[in-house]
Full PDB file with SEQRES, HELIX, SHEET, SSBOND, CRYST1, ORIGX, SCALE, CONECT and MASTER records, all heavy atoms in Angstrom:
SEQRES   1 A   43  LEU ARG GLU MET GLU VAL SER GLN LYS LEU ALA VAL THR          
SEQRES   2 A   43  GLU ALA VAL LYS GLN VAL GLU GLN GLU ARG ASP GLN PHE          
SEQRES   3 A   43  LYS ASN GLY LEU GLU GLN ALA GLN LEU LYS LYS ALA LEU          
SEQRES   4 A   43  GLU GLU LYS ALA                                              
HELIX    1 AA1 ARG A    2  LYS A   42  1                                  41    
CRYST1    1.000    1.000    1.000  90.00  90.00  90.00 P 1           1          
ORIGX1      1.000000  0.000000  0.000000        0.00000                         
ORIGX2      0.000000  1.000000  0.000000        0.00000                         
ORIGX3      0.000000  0.000000  1.000000        0.00000                         
SCALE1      1.000000  0.000000  0.000000        0.00000                         
SCALE2      0.000000  1.000000  0.000000        0.00000                         
SCALE3      0.000000  0.000000  1.000000        0.00000                         
ATOM      1  N   LEU A   1      23.310  62.042 127.873  1.00  0.00           N  
ATOM      2  CA  LEU A   1      23.212  60.740 127.235  1.00  0.00           C  
ATOM      3  C   LEU A   1      23.798  60.780 125.825  1.00  0.00           C  
ATOM      4  O   LEU A   1      24.525  59.868 125.421  1.00  0.00           O  
ATOM      5  CB  LEU A   1      21.749  60.299 127.199  1.00  0.00           C  
ATOM      6  CG  LEU A   1      21.474  58.902 126.624  1.00  0.00           C  
ATOM      7  CD1 LEU A   1      22.200  57.839 127.453  1.00  0.00           C  
ATOM      8  CD2 LEU A   1      19.972  58.612 126.601  1.00  0.00           C  
ATOM      9  N   ARG A   2      23.446  61.868 125.126  1.00  0.00           N  
ATOM     10  CA  ARG A   2      24.018  62.010 123.781  1.00  0.00           C  
ATOM     11  C   ARG A   2      25.553  62.141 123.853  1.00  0.00           C  
ATOM     12  O   ARG A   2      26.274  61.567 123.040  1.00  0.00           O  
ATOM     13  CB  ARG A   2      23.408  63.233 123.075  1.00  0.00           C  
ATOM     14  CG  ARG A   2      21.964  63.017 122.610  1.00  0.00           C  
ATOM     15  CD  ARG A   2      21.534  64.108 121.656  1.00  0.00           C  
ATOM     16  NE  ARG A   2      21.498  65.404 122.304  1.00  0.00           N  
ATOM     17  CZ  ARG A   2      20.435  65.910 122.944  1.00  0.00           C  
ATOM     18  NH1 ARG A   2      19.315  65.199 123.042  1.00  0.00           N  
ATOM     19  NH2 ARG A   2      20.495  67.105 123.508  1.00  0.00           N  
ATOM     20  N   GLU A   3      26.014  62.950 124.867  1.00  0.00           N  
ATOM     21  CA  GLU A   3      27.463  63.089 125.026  1.00  0.00           C  
ATOM     22  C   GLU A   3      28.114  61.758 125.350  1.00  0.00           C  
ATOM     23  O   GLU A   3      29.188  61.433 124.830  1.00  0.00           O  
ATOM     24  CB  GLU A   3      27.769  64.100 126.136  1.00  0.00           C  
ATOM     25  CG  GLU A   3      27.453  65.540 125.767  1.00  0.00           C  
ATOM     26  CD  GLU A   3      27.734  66.496 126.911  1.00  0.00           C  
ATOM     27  OE1 GLU A   3      28.138  65.990 127.997  1.00  0.00           O  
ATOM     28  OE2 GLU A   3      27.546  67.700 126.738  1.00  0.00           O  
ATOM     29  N   MET A   4      27.452  60.991 126.265  1.00  0.00           N  
ATOM     30  CA  MET A   4      27.999  59.675 126.609  1.00  0.00           C  
ATOM     31  C   MET A   4      28.027  58.769 125.386  1.00  0.00           C  
ATOM     32  O   MET A   4      28.997  58.029 125.159  1.00  0.00           O  
ATOM     33  CB  MET A   4      27.169  59.034 127.724  1.00  0.00           C  
ATOM     34  CG  MET A   4      27.331  59.710 129.089  1.00  0.00           C  
ATOM     35  SD  MET A   4      26.294  58.977 130.353  1.00  0.00           S  
ATOM     36  CE  MET A   4      26.966  57.343 130.452  1.00  0.00           C  
ATOM     37  N   GLU A   5      26.926  58.837 124.615  1.00  0.00           N  
ATOM     38  CA  GLU A   5      26.905  58.021 123.409  1.00  0.00           C  
ATOM     39  C   GLU A   5      28.016  58.438 122.452  1.00  0.00           C  
ATOM     40  O   GLU A   5      28.716  57.595 121.872  1.00  0.00           O  
ATOM     41  CB  GLU A   5      25.537  58.153 122.732  1.00  0.00           C  
ATOM     42  CG  GLU A   5      24.391  57.492 123.516  1.00  0.00           C  
ATOM     43  CD  GLU A   5      23.037  57.715 122.849  1.00  0.00           C  
ATOM     44  OE1 GLU A   5      23.001  58.461 121.846  1.00  0.00           O  
ATOM     45  OE2 GLU A   5      22.035  57.131 123.316  1.00  0.00           O  
ATOM     46  N   VAL A   6      28.164  59.785 122.340  1.00  0.00           N  
ATOM     47  CA  VAL A   6      29.226  60.282 121.460  1.00  0.00           C  
ATOM     48  C   VAL A   6      30.596  59.866 121.993  1.00  0.00           C  
ATOM     49  O   VAL A   6      31.486  59.435 121.244  1.00  0.00           O  
ATOM     50  CB  VAL A   6      29.132  61.819 121.317  1.00  0.00           C  
ATOM     51  CG1 VAL A   6      30.356  62.354 120.577  1.00  0.00           C  
ATOM     52  CG2 VAL A   6      27.857  62.215 120.583  1.00  0.00           C  
ATOM     53  N   SER A   7      30.766  60.010 123.366  1.00  0.00           N  
ATOM     54  CA  SER A   7      32.044  59.634 123.970  1.00  0.00           C  
ATOM     55  C   SER A   7      32.320  58.153 123.779  1.00  0.00           C  
ATOM     56  O   SER A   7      33.453  57.744 123.460  1.00  0.00           O  
ATOM     57  CB  SER A   7      32.039  59.972 125.465  1.00  0.00           C  
ATOM     58  OG  SER A   7      31.872  61.361 125.667  1.00  0.00           O  
ATOM     59  N   GLN A   8      31.273  57.335 124.001  1.00  0.00           N  
ATOM     60  CA  GLN A   8      31.436  55.900 123.799  1.00  0.00           C  
ATOM     61  C   GLN A   8      31.796  55.589 122.351  1.00  0.00           C  
ATOM     62  O   GLN A   8      32.675  54.774 122.073  1.00  0.00           O  
ATOM     63  CB  GLN A   8      30.163  55.158 124.208  1.00  0.00           C  
ATOM     64  CG  GLN A   8      29.934  55.137 125.724  1.00  0.00           C  
ATOM     65  CD  GLN A   8      28.651  54.429 126.097  1.00  0.00           C  
ATOM     66  OE1 GLN A   8      27.869  54.047 125.222  1.00  0.00           O  
ATOM     67  NE2 GLN A   8      28.417  54.266 127.398  1.00  0.00           N  
ATOM     68  N   LYS A   9      31.062  56.283 121.458  1.00  0.00           N  
ATOM     69  CA  LYS A   9      31.363  56.066 120.048  1.00  0.00           C  
ATOM     70  C   LYS A   9      32.795  56.496 119.733  1.00  0.00           C  
ATOM     71  O   LYS A   9      33.528  55.789 119.031  1.00  0.00           O  
ATOM     72  CB  LYS A   9      30.379  56.839 119.171  1.00  0.00           C  
ATOM     73  CG  LYS A   9      28.972  56.259 119.184  1.00  0.00           C  
ATOM     74  CD  LYS A   9      28.050  57.081 118.297  1.00  0.00           C  
ATOM     75  CE  LYS A   9      26.621  56.488 118.303  1.00  0.00           C  
ATOM     76  NZ  LYS A   9      25.700  57.289 117.446  1.00  0.00           N  
ATOM     77  N   LEU A  10      33.184  57.668 120.324  1.00  0.00           N  
ATOM     78  CA  LEU A  10      34.559  58.141 120.106  1.00  0.00           C  
ATOM     79  C   LEU A  10      35.579  57.185 120.716  1.00  0.00           C  
ATOM     80  O   LEU A  10      36.623  56.908 120.115  1.00  0.00           O  
ATOM     81  CB  LEU A  10      34.729  59.541 120.698  1.00  0.00           C  
ATOM     82  CG  LEU A  10      34.010  60.676 119.970  1.00  0.00           C  
ATOM     83  CD1 LEU A  10      34.153  61.977 120.748  1.00  0.00           C  
ATOM     84  CD2 LEU A  10      34.552  60.848 118.557  1.00  0.00           C  
ATOM     85  N   ALA A  11      35.249  56.704 121.958  1.00  0.00           N  
ATOM     86  CA  ALA A  11      36.164  55.767 122.615  1.00  0.00           C  
ATOM     87  C   ALA A  11      36.287  54.480 121.814  1.00  0.00           C  
ATOM     88  O   ALA A  11      37.382  53.955 121.617  1.00  0.00           O  
ATOM     89  CB  ALA A  11      35.671  55.462 124.031  1.00  0.00           C  
ATOM     90  N   VAL A  12      35.146  53.988 121.375  1.00  0.00           N  
ATOM     91  CA  VAL A  12      35.180  52.768 120.567  1.00  0.00           C  
ATOM     92  C   VAL A  12      35.951  53.018 119.279  1.00  0.00           C  
ATOM     93  O   VAL A  12      36.782  52.211 118.849  1.00  0.00           O  
ATOM     94  CB  VAL A  12      33.737  52.288 120.272  1.00  0.00           C  
ATOM     95  CG1 VAL A  12      33.760  51.145 119.264  1.00  0.00           C  
ATOM     96  CG2 VAL A  12      33.062  51.839 121.563  1.00  0.00           C  
ATOM     97  N   THR A  13      35.635  54.182 118.678  1.00  0.00           N  
ATOM     98  CA  THR A  13      36.351  54.528 117.438  1.00  0.00           C  
ATOM     99  C   THR A  13      37.849  54.653 117.682  1.00  0.00           C  
ATOM    100  O   THR A  13      38.667  54.154 116.899  1.00  0.00           O  
ATOM    101  CB  THR A  13      35.798  55.847 116.872  1.00  0.00           C  
ATOM    102  OG1 THR A  13      34.387  55.729 116.676  1.00  0.00           O  
ATOM    103  CG2 THR A  13      36.473  56.187 115.558  1.00  0.00           C  
ATOM    104  N   GLU A  14      38.195  55.342 118.815  1.00  0.00           N  
ATOM    105  CA  GLU A  14      39.607  55.512 119.148  1.00  0.00           C  
ATOM    106  C   GLU A  14      40.277  54.173 119.434  1.00  0.00           C  
ATOM    107  O   GLU A  14      41.405  53.920 119.001  1.00  0.00           O  
ATOM    108  CB  GLU A  14      39.741  56.436 120.361  1.00  0.00           C  
ATOM    109  CG  GLU A  14      41.168  56.818 120.715  1.00  0.00           C  
ATOM    110  CD  GLU A  14      41.786  57.704 119.664  1.00  0.00           C  
ATOM    111  OE1 GLU A  14      41.049  58.403 118.925  1.00  0.00           O  
ATOM    112  OE2 GLU A  14      43.039  57.698 119.575  1.00  0.00           O  
ATOM    113  N   ALA A  15      39.541  53.310 120.203  1.00  0.00           N  
ATOM    114  CA  ALA A  15      40.092  51.989 120.504  1.00  0.00           C  
ATOM    115  C   ALA A  15      40.294  51.177 119.233  1.00  0.00           C  
ATOM    116  O   ALA A  15      41.324  50.529 119.035  1.00  0.00           O  
ATOM    117  CB  ALA A  15      39.175  51.251 121.478  1.00  0.00           C  
ATOM    118  N   VAL A  16      39.282  51.233 118.389  1.00  0.00           N  
ATOM    119  CA  VAL A  16      39.401  50.507 117.122  1.00  0.00           C  
ATOM    120  C   VAL A  16      40.543  51.071 116.293  1.00  0.00           C  
ATOM    121  O   VAL A  16      41.339  50.330 115.697  1.00  0.00           O  
ATOM    122  CB  VAL A  16      38.064  50.591 116.341  1.00  0.00           C  
ATOM    123  CG1 VAL A  16      38.232  50.020 114.937  1.00  0.00           C  
ATOM    124  CG2 VAL A  16      36.967  49.834 117.082  1.00  0.00           C  
ATOM    125  N   LYS A  17      40.633  52.421 116.310  1.00  0.00           N  
ATOM    126  CA  LYS A  17      41.709  53.075 115.567  1.00  0.00           C  
ATOM    127  C   LYS A  17      43.066  52.682 116.114  1.00  0.00           C  
ATOM    128  O   LYS A  17      44.003  52.393 115.356  1.00  0.00           O  
ATOM    129  CB  LYS A  17      41.515  54.586 115.627  1.00  0.00           C  
ATOM    130  CG  LYS A  17      42.511  55.366 114.796  1.00  0.00           C  
ATOM    131  CD  LYS A  17      42.220  56.846 114.879  1.00  0.00           C  
ATOM    132  CE  LYS A  17      43.238  57.648 114.057  1.00  0.00           C  
ATOM    133  NZ  LYS A  17      42.963  59.112 114.153  1.00  0.00           N  
ATOM    134  N   GLN A  18      43.180  52.661 117.487  1.00  0.00           N  
ATOM    135  CA  GLN A  18      44.443  52.292 118.110  1.00  0.00           C  
ATOM    136  C   GLN A  18      44.806  50.840 117.803  1.00  0.00           C  
ATOM    137  O   GLN A  18      45.959  50.517 117.507  1.00  0.00           O  
ATOM    138  CB  GLN A  18      44.369  52.508 119.617  1.00  0.00           C  
ATOM    139  CG  GLN A  18      45.680  52.272 120.348  1.00  0.00           C  
ATOM    140  CD  GLN A  18      45.585  52.624 121.816  1.00  0.00           C  
ATOM    141  OE1 GLN A  18      44.521  53.061 122.267  1.00  0.00           O  
ATOM    142  NE2 GLN A  18      46.672  52.434 122.542  1.00  0.00           N  
ATOM    143  N   VAL A  19      43.774  49.971 117.907  1.00  0.00           N  
ATOM    144  CA  VAL A  19      44.024  48.556 117.587  1.00  0.00           C  
ATOM    145  C   VAL A  19      44.450  48.409 116.141  1.00  0.00           C  
ATOM    146  O   VAL A  19      45.369  47.645 115.810  1.00  0.00           O  
ATOM    147  CB  VAL A  19      42.753  47.727 117.885  1.00  0.00           C  
ATOM    148  CG1 VAL A  19      42.907  46.299 117.338  1.00  0.00           C  
ATOM    149  CG2 VAL A  19      42.484  47.683 119.382  1.00  0.00           C  
ATOM    150  N   GLU A  20      43.783  49.169 115.272  1.00  0.00           N  
ATOM    151  CA  GLU A  20      44.156  49.115 113.863  1.00  0.00           C  
ATOM    152  C   GLU A  20      45.572  49.632 113.653  1.00  0.00           C  
ATOM    153  O   GLU A  20      46.341  49.070 112.861  1.00  0.00           O  
ATOM    154  CB  GLU A  20      43.156  49.929 113.023  1.00  0.00           C  
ATOM    155  CG  GLU A  20      41.768  49.285 112.946  1.00  0.00           C  
ATOM    156  CD  GLU A  20      40.780  50.159 112.177  1.00  0.00           C  
ATOM    157  OE1 GLU A  20      41.147  51.330 111.902  1.00  0.00           O  
ATOM    158  OE2 GLU A  20      39.685  49.671 111.855  1.00  0.00           O  
ATOM    159  N   GLN A  21      45.911  50.732 114.409  1.00  0.00           N  
ATOM    160  CA  GLN A  21      47.275  51.261 114.301  1.00  0.00           C  
ATOM    161  C   GLN A  21      48.293  50.248 114.794  1.00  0.00           C  
ATOM    162  O   GLN A  21      49.335  50.035 114.163  1.00  0.00           O  
ATOM    163  CB  GLN A  21      47.406  52.560 115.091  1.00  0.00           C  
ATOM    164  CG  GLN A  21      46.682  53.741 114.470  1.00  0.00           C  
ATOM    165  CD  GLN A  21      46.816  55.000 115.313  1.00  0.00           C  
ATOM    166  OE1 GLN A  21      47.311  54.945 116.444  1.00  0.00           O  
ATOM    167  NE2 GLN A  21      46.349  56.127 114.786  1.00  0.00           N  
ATOM    168  N   GLU A  22      47.994  49.624 115.977  1.00  0.00           N  
ATOM    169  CA  GLU A  22      48.899  48.601 116.487  1.00  0.00           C  
ATOM    170  C   GLU A  22      49.025  47.437 115.520  1.00  0.00           C  
ATOM    171  O   GLU A  22      50.116  46.896 115.300  1.00  0.00           O  
ATOM    172  CB  GLU A  22      48.412  48.113 117.849  1.00  0.00           C  
ATOM    173  CG  GLU A  22      48.534  49.158 118.956  1.00  0.00           C  
ATOM    174  CD  GLU A  22      47.999  48.653 120.277  1.00  0.00           C  
ATOM    175  OE1 GLU A  22      47.453  47.524 120.289  1.00  0.00           O  
ATOM    176  OE2 GLU A  22      48.121  49.378 121.295  1.00  0.00           O  
ATOM    177  N   ARG A  23      47.871  47.074 114.946  1.00  0.00           N  
ATOM    178  CA  ARG A  23      47.905  45.987 113.965  1.00  0.00           C  
ATOM    179  C   ARG A  23      48.765  46.370 112.761  1.00  0.00           C  
ATOM    180  O   ARG A  23      49.590  45.587 112.283  1.00  0.00           O  
ATOM    181  CB  ARG A  23      46.466  45.679 113.517  1.00  0.00           C  
ATOM    182  CG  ARG A  23      46.361  44.553 112.476  1.00  0.00           C  
ATOM    183  CD  ARG A  23      45.029  44.604 111.772  1.00  0.00           C  
ATOM    184  NE  ARG A  23      44.888  45.853 111.028  1.00  0.00           N  
ATOM    185  CZ  ARG A  23      43.735  46.270 110.501  1.00  0.00           C  
ATOM    186  NH1 ARG A  23      42.628  45.556 110.664  1.00  0.00           N  
ATOM    187  NH2 ARG A  23      43.683  47.409 109.832  1.00  0.00           N  
ATOM    188  N   ASP A  24      48.552  47.634 112.325  1.00  0.00           N  
ATOM    189  CA  ASP A  24      49.336  48.106 111.177  1.00  0.00           C  
ATOM    190  C   ASP A  24      50.824  48.188 111.529  1.00  0.00           C  
ATOM    191  O   ASP A  24      51.681  47.823 110.717  1.00  0.00           O  
ATOM    192  CB  ASP A  24      48.828  49.475 110.722  1.00  0.00           C  
ATOM    193  CG  ASP A  24      47.400  49.407 110.157  1.00  0.00           C  
ATOM    194  OD1 ASP A  24      46.989  48.293 109.750  1.00  0.00           O  
ATOM    195  OD2 ASP A  24      46.717  50.450 110.141  1.00  0.00           O  
ATOM    196  N   GLN A  25      51.110  48.702 112.778  1.00  0.00           N  
ATOM    197  CA  GLN A  25      52.512  48.781 113.206  1.00  0.00           C  
ATOM    198  C   GLN A  25      53.138  47.395 113.291  1.00  0.00           C  
ATOM    199  O   GLN A  25      54.273  47.182 112.859  1.00  0.00           O  
ATOM    200  CB  GLN A  25      52.616  49.483 114.559  1.00  0.00           C  
ATOM    201  CG  GLN A  25      52.300  50.972 114.511  1.00  0.00           C  
ATOM    202  CD  GLN A  25      52.336  51.610 115.889  1.00  0.00           C  
ATOM    203  OE1 GLN A  25      52.539  50.922 116.886  1.00  0.00           O  
ATOM    204  NE2 GLN A  25      52.122  52.925 115.936  1.00  0.00           N  
ATOM    205  N   PHE A  26      52.398  46.464 113.895  1.00  0.00           N  
ATOM    206  CA  PHE A  26      52.900  45.098 113.990  1.00  0.00           C  
ATOM    207  C   PHE A  26      53.117  44.499 112.608  1.00  0.00           C  
ATOM    208  O   PHE A  26      54.125  43.843 112.339  1.00  0.00           O  
ATOM    209  CB  PHE A  26      51.915  44.243 114.791  1.00  0.00           C  
ATOM    210  CG  PHE A  26      52.334  42.804 114.936  1.00  0.00           C  
ATOM    211  CD1 PHE A  26      53.356  42.451 115.810  1.00  0.00           C  
ATOM    212  CD2 PHE A  26      51.728  41.808 114.177  1.00  0.00           C  
ATOM    213  CE1 PHE A  26      53.745  41.134 115.938  1.00  0.00           C  
ATOM    214  CE2 PHE A  26      52.125  40.493 114.303  1.00  0.00           C  
ATOM    215  CZ  PHE A  26      53.137  40.158 115.184  1.00  0.00           C  
ATOM    216  N   LYS A  27      52.126  44.785 111.745  1.00  0.00           N  
ATOM    217  CA  LYS A  27      52.244  44.277 110.381  1.00  0.00           C  
ATOM    218  C   LYS A  27      53.443  44.896 109.681  1.00  0.00           C  
ATOM    219  O   LYS A  27      54.234  44.197 109.027  1.00  0.00           O  
ATOM    220  CB  LYS A  27      50.959  44.594 109.627  1.00  0.00           C  
ATOM    221  CG  LYS A  27      50.911  44.021 108.219  1.00  0.00           C  
ATOM    222  CD  LYS A  27      49.577  44.327 107.560  1.00  0.00           C  
ATOM    223  CE  LYS A  27      49.532  43.774 106.137  1.00  0.00           C  
ATOM    224  NZ  LYS A  27      48.234  44.092 105.479  1.00  0.00           N  
ATOM    225  N   ASN A  28      53.595  46.244 109.883  1.00  0.00           N  
ATOM    226  CA  ASN A  28      54.737  46.922 109.274  1.00  0.00           C  
ATOM    227  C   ASN A  28      56.054  46.429 109.870  1.00  0.00           C  
ATOM    228  O   ASN A  28      57.039  46.234 109.156  1.00  0.00           O  
ATOM    229  CB  ASN A  28      54.621  48.433 109.463  1.00  0.00           C  
ATOM    230  CG  ASN A  28      53.464  49.029 108.679  1.00  0.00           C  
ATOM    231  OD1 ASN A  28      53.074  48.496 107.637  1.00  0.00           O  
ATOM    232  ND2 ASN A  28      52.908  50.122 109.175  1.00  0.00           N  
ATOM    233  N   GLY A  29      56.041  46.253 111.242  1.00  0.00           N  
ATOM    234  CA  GLY A  29      57.239  45.733 111.890  1.00  0.00           C  
ATOM    235  C   GLY A  29      57.589  44.348 111.385  1.00  0.00           C  
ATOM    236  O   GLY A  29      58.762  44.035 111.155  1.00  0.00           O  
ATOM    237  N   LEU A  30      56.557  43.511 111.244  1.00  0.00           N  
ATOM    238  CA  LEU A  30      56.789  42.166 110.733  1.00  0.00           C  
ATOM    239  C   LEU A  30      57.328  42.214 109.309  1.00  0.00           C  
ATOM    240  O   LEU A  30      58.278  41.495 108.956  1.00  0.00           O  
ATOM    241  CB  LEU A  30      55.490  41.366 110.794  1.00  0.00           C  
ATOM    242  CG  LEU A  30      55.560  39.897 110.351  1.00  0.00           C  
ATOM    243  CD1 LEU A  30      56.541  39.136 111.242  1.00  0.00           C  
ATOM    244  CD2 LEU A  30      54.179  39.248 110.399  1.00  0.00           C  
ATOM    245  N   GLU A  31      56.723  43.096 108.529  1.00  0.00           N  
ATOM    246  CA  GLU A  31      57.198  43.233 107.153  1.00  0.00           C  
ATOM    247  C   GLU A  31      58.625  43.769 107.115  1.00  0.00           C  
ATOM    248  O   GLU A  31      59.457  43.295 106.331  1.00  0.00           O  
ATOM    249  CB  GLU A  31      56.258  44.162 106.373  1.00  0.00           C  
ATOM    250  CG  GLU A  31      54.863  43.567 106.136  1.00  0.00           C  
ATOM    251  CD  GLU A  31      53.936  44.554 105.434  1.00  0.00           C  
ATOM    252  OE1 GLU A  31      54.357  45.719 105.261  1.00  0.00           O  
ATOM    253  OE2 GLU A  31      52.811  44.152 105.073  1.00  0.00           O  
ATOM    254  N   GLN A  32      58.892  44.779 108.011  1.00  0.00           N  
ATOM    255  CA  GLN A  32      60.252  45.317 108.068  1.00  0.00           C  
ATOM    256  C   GLN A  32      61.246  44.266 108.538  1.00  0.00           C  
ATOM    257  O   GLN A  32      62.366  44.184 108.016  1.00  0.00           O  
ATOM    258  CB  GLN A  32      60.299  46.532 108.992  1.00  0.00           C  
ATOM    259  CG  GLN A  32      59.580  47.751 108.435  1.00  0.00           C  
ATOM    260  CD  GLN A  32      59.608  48.913 109.400  1.00  0.00           C  
ATOM    261  OE1 GLN A  32      60.158  48.803 110.496  1.00  0.00           O  
ATOM    262  NE2 GLN A  32      59.004  50.032 108.996  1.00  0.00           N  
ATOM    263  N   ALA A  33      60.834  43.473 109.567  1.00  0.00           N  
ATOM    264  CA  ALA A  33      61.721  42.415 110.051  1.00  0.00           C  
ATOM    265  C   ALA A  33      61.989  41.397 108.955  1.00  0.00           C  
ATOM    266  O   ALA A  33      63.128  40.953 108.760  1.00  0.00           O  
ATOM    267  CB  ALA A  33      61.102  41.736 111.274  1.00  0.00           C  
ATOM    268  N   GLN A  34      60.912  41.035 108.248  1.00  0.00           N  
ATOM    269  CA  GLN A  34      61.098  40.095 107.146  1.00  0.00           C  
ATOM    270  C   GLN A  34      61.994  40.695 106.064  1.00  0.00           C  
ATOM    271  O   GLN A  34      62.875  40.020 105.528  1.00  0.00           O  
ATOM    272  CB  GLN A  34      59.733  39.705 106.567  1.00  0.00           C  
ATOM    273  CG  GLN A  34      58.882  38.859 107.526  1.00  0.00           C  
ATOM    274  CD  GLN A  34      57.498  38.588 106.979  1.00  0.00           C  
ATOM    275  OE1 GLN A  34      57.077  39.183 105.982  1.00  0.00           O  
ATOM    276  NE2 GLN A  34      56.769  37.678 107.633  1.00  0.00           N  
ATOM    277  N   LEU A  35      61.737  42.005 105.798  1.00  0.00           N  
ATOM    278  CA  LEU A  35      62.566  42.678 104.802  1.00  0.00           C  
ATOM    279  C   LEU A  35      64.018  42.772 105.266  1.00  0.00           C  
ATOM    280  O   LEU A  35      64.954  42.527 104.488  1.00  0.00           O  
ATOM    281  CB  LEU A  35      62.006  44.072 104.528  1.00  0.00           C  
ATOM    282  CG  LEU A  35      62.770  44.936 103.508  1.00  0.00           C  
ATOM    283  CD1 LEU A  35      62.786  44.235 102.151  1.00  0.00           C  
ATOM    284  CD2 LEU A  35      62.143  46.312 103.398  1.00  0.00           C  
ATOM    285  N   LYS A  36      64.199  43.139 106.587  1.00  0.00           N  
ATOM    286  CA  LYS A  36      65.545  43.229 107.144  1.00  0.00           C  
ATOM    287  C   LYS A  36      66.241  41.878 107.101  1.00  0.00           C  
ATOM    288  O   LYS A  36      67.428  41.780 106.744  1.00  0.00           O  
ATOM    289  CB  LYS A  36      65.479  43.739 108.576  1.00  0.00           C  
ATOM    290  CG  LYS A  36      66.826  43.954 109.218  1.00  0.00           C  
ATOM    291  CD  LYS A  36      66.676  44.502 110.620  1.00  0.00           C  
ATOM    292  CE  LYS A  36      68.035  44.696 111.275  1.00  0.00           C  
ATOM    293  NZ  LYS A  36      67.888  45.215 112.672  1.00  0.00           N  
ATOM    294  N   LYS A  37      65.486  40.831 107.468  1.00  0.00           N  
ATOM    295  CA  LYS A  37      66.058  39.497 107.438  1.00  0.00           C  
ATOM    296  C   LYS A  37      66.455  39.120 106.020  1.00  0.00           C  
ATOM    297  O   LYS A  37      67.534  38.565 105.777  1.00  0.00           O  
ATOM    298  CB  LYS A  37      65.045  38.498 107.988  1.00  0.00           C  
ATOM    299  CG  LYS A  37      65.561  37.070 108.054  1.00  0.00           C  
ATOM    300  CD  LYS A  37      64.521  36.142 108.631  1.00  0.00           C  
ATOM    301  CE  LYS A  37      65.034  34.706 108.658  1.00  0.00           C  
ATOM    302  NZ  LYS A  37      64.013  33.765 109.167  1.00  0.00           N  
ATOM    303  N   ALA A  38      65.550  39.455 105.084  1.00  0.00           N  
ATOM    304  CA  ALA A  38      65.864  39.147 103.692  1.00  0.00           C  
ATOM    305  C   ALA A  38      67.089  39.918 103.218  1.00  0.00           C  
ATOM    306  O   ALA A  38      67.966  39.376 102.534  1.00  0.00           O  
ATOM    307  CB  ALA A  38      64.649  39.471 102.805  1.00  0.00           C  
ATOM    308  N   LEU A  39      67.144  41.234 103.640  1.00  0.00           N  
ATOM    309  CA  LEU A  39      68.295  42.046 103.256  1.00  0.00           C  
ATOM    310  C   LEU A  39      69.580  41.515 103.885  1.00  0.00           C  
ATOM    311  O   LEU A  39      70.629  41.483 103.241  1.00  0.00           O  
ATOM    312  CB  LEU A  39      68.060  43.508 103.663  1.00  0.00           C  
ATOM    313  CG  LEU A  39      66.965  44.254 102.884  1.00  0.00           C  
ATOM    314  CD1 LEU A  39      66.748  45.631 103.483  1.00  0.00           C  
ATOM    315  CD2 LEU A  39      67.334  44.365 101.405  1.00  0.00           C  
ATOM    316  N   GLU A  40      69.482  41.136 105.200  1.00  0.00           N  
ATOM    317  CA  GLU A  40      70.659  40.588 105.865  1.00  0.00           C  
ATOM    318  C   GLU A  40      71.104  39.287 105.202  1.00  0.00           C  
ATOM    319  O   GLU A  40      72.307  39.060 105.018  1.00  0.00           O  
ATOM    320  CB  GLU A  40      70.356  40.351 107.341  1.00  0.00           C  
ATOM    321  CG  GLU A  40      70.236  41.631 108.154  1.00  0.00           C  
ATOM    322  CD  GLU A  40      69.904  41.364 109.601  1.00  0.00           C  
ATOM    323  OE1 GLU A  40      69.608  40.188 109.927  1.00  0.00           O  
ATOM    324  OE2 GLU A  40      69.941  42.314 110.408  1.00  0.00           O  
ATOM    325  N   GLU A  41      70.119  38.435 104.895  1.00  0.00           N  
ATOM    326  CA  GLU A  41      70.468  37.193 104.215  1.00  0.00           C  
ATOM    327  C   GLU A  41      71.113  37.479 102.866  1.00  0.00           C  
ATOM    328  O   GLU A  41      72.109  36.851 102.486  1.00  0.00           O  
ATOM    329  CB  GLU A  41      69.222  36.321 104.040  1.00  0.00           C  
ATOM    330  CG  GLU A  41      68.689  35.751 105.355  1.00  0.00           C  
ATOM    331  CD  GLU A  41      67.411  34.958 105.150  1.00  0.00           C  
ATOM    332  OE1 GLU A  41      66.876  34.994 104.015  1.00  0.00           O  
ATOM    333  OE2 GLU A  41      66.947  34.307 106.111  1.00  0.00           O  
ATOM    334  N   LYS A  42      70.529  38.468 102.186  1.00  0.00           N  
ATOM    335  CA  LYS A  42      71.082  38.830 100.884  1.00  0.00           C  
ATOM    336  C   LYS A  42      72.487  39.415 101.040  1.00  0.00           C  
ATOM    337  O   LYS A  42      73.404  39.075 100.278  1.00  0.00           O  
ATOM    338  CB  LYS A  42      70.164  39.834 100.192  1.00  0.00           C  
ATOM    339  CG  LYS A  42      70.595  40.183  98.781  1.00  0.00           C  
ATOM    340  CD  LYS A  42      69.607  41.127  98.122  1.00  0.00           C  
ATOM    341  CE  LYS A  42      70.051  41.489  96.710  1.00  0.00           C  
ATOM    342  NZ  LYS A  42      69.104  42.422  96.048  1.00  0.00           N  
ATOM    343  N   ALA A  43      72.635  40.340 102.076  1.00  0.00           N  
ATOM    344  CA  ALA A  43      73.946  40.934 102.314  1.00  0.00           C  
ATOM    345  C   ALA A  43      74.960  39.869 102.720  1.00  0.00           C  
ATOM    346  O   ALA A  43      76.118  39.899 102.289  1.00  0.00           O  
ATOM    347  CB  ALA A  43      73.847  42.013 103.391  1.00  0.00           C  
TER     348      ALA A  43                                                      
MASTER        0    0    0    1    0    0    0    6  347    1    0    4          
END                                                                             
């Protein structure tokens, strides 16, 4: 039970971490796209 709780906590933590990473990647991608667009417009 403790292992399951730990696994669940780890899974939840991992899922949250992955979602946060995806969110950060999407945010970074969006920022990069905006930056690229701005650079292209500037170029």
